[in-house]
Amino acid sequence: MAESLYSGDVAAEPLLMGGTLPCAYCDYINICDNSKLERYRLPDEADVSEAESILSMKFSGKESGDNGMD
């Protein structure tokens, strides 16, 4: 995501997870012209699982320190 933002891709396509409508709490809903949530992204389940694994190791104190996130 960071790479796409850096390259100028700033489309209003929020990530829809767990049935939660991200636009419900967004301060920019009137600016992005996506108030009907016509454009959105769905999570990649493999990426979500990897992130959950990394976070669970970090918060349990079992991280190895070399997770490629540096």
Protein backbone atom coordinates (compact mmCIF):
# COMPACT_ATOMS: atom_id res chain seq x y z
CA MET A 1 0.00 0.00 0.00
CA ALA A 2 2.78 2.43 0.84
CA GLU A 3 4.31 1.98 -2.58
CA SER A 4 1.03 2.75 -4.34
CA LEU A 5 0.48 5.87 -2.24
CA TYR A 6 4.03 7.01 -2.91
CA SER A 7 3.49 6.57 -6.63
CA GLY A 8 0.39 8.78 -6.50
CA ASP A 9 -2.40 6.19 -6.40
CA VAL A 10 -4.77 7.73 -3.86
CA ALA A 11 -8.08 6.29 -5.04
CA ALA A 12 -10.93 6.27 -2.53
CA GLU A 13 -11.19 2.49 -2.23
CA PRO A 14 -11.42 1.63 1.48
CA LEU A 15 -10.74 -1.86 2.78
CA LEU A 16 -13.99 -3.60 3.71
CA MET A 17 -13.33 -6.03 6.59
CA GLY A 18 -15.66 -7.85 8.92
CA GLY A 19 -18.77 -6.22 7.53
CA THR A 20 -17.66 -2.86 8.93
CA LEU A 21 -18.30 0.08 6.64
CA PRO A 22 -15.13 2.16 6.90
CA CYS A 23 -16.85 5.27 5.56
CA ALA A 24 -19.08 5.40 8.65
CA TYR A 25 -16.24 6.88 10.70
CA CYS A 26 -14.23 8.61 7.96
CA ASP A 27 -13.87 12.40 8.15
CA TYR A 28 -13.45 12.62 4.37
CA ILE A 29 -16.66 10.90 3.23
CA ASN A 30 -17.97 14.09 1.61
CA ILE A 31 -14.69 14.77 -0.19
CA CYS A 32 -13.90 11.42 -1.81
CA ASP A 33 -17.26 11.06 -3.60
CA ASN A 34 -17.54 7.42 -2.50
CA SER A 35 -20.33 8.01 0.01
CA LYS A 36 -22.38 5.13 -1.42
CA LEU A 37 -19.36 2.83 -1.08
CA GLU A 38 -19.43 1.95 -4.75
CA ARG A 39 -15.67 1.33 -4.77
CA TYR A 40 -13.96 -0.74 -2.12
CA ARG A 41 -11.32 -3.42 -1.66
CA LEU A 42 -11.67 -6.83 -0.02
CA PRO A 43 -8.83 -8.20 2.09
CA ASP A 44 -6.44 -10.82 0.75
CA GLU A 45 -6.88 -13.63 3.28
CA ALA A 46 -3.24 -14.75 3.00
CA ASP A 47 -2.04 -11.22 3.82
CA VAL A 48 -4.46 -10.97 6.74
CA SER A 49 -3.25 -14.30 8.14
CA GLU A 50 0.38 -13.23 7.82
CA ALA A 51 -0.30 -9.91 9.55
CA GLU A 52 -2.19 -11.65 12.37
CA SER A 53 0.69 -14.08 12.82
CA ILE A 54 3.28 -11.29 12.98
CA LEU A 55 1.18 -9.30 15.44
CA SER A 56 0.51 -12.30 17.68
CA MET A 57 4.25 -13.06 17.84
CA LYS A 58 5.05 -9.44 18.58
CA PHE A 59 2.52 -9.10 21.37
CA SER A 60 3.41 -12.46 22.90
CA GLY A 61 7.09 -11.50 23.00
CA LYS A 62 8.13 -14.31 20.63
CA GLU A 63 9.20 -12.27 17.63
CA SER A 64 12.53 -13.21 16.12
CA GLY A 65 13.46 -9.67 15.14
CA ASP A 66 13.90 -10.65 11.49
CA ASN A 67 10.45 -10.49 9.93
CA GLY A 68 11.43 -8.56 6.83
CA MET A 69 9.58 -5.48 8.06
CA ASP A 70 12.66 -3.29 8.55
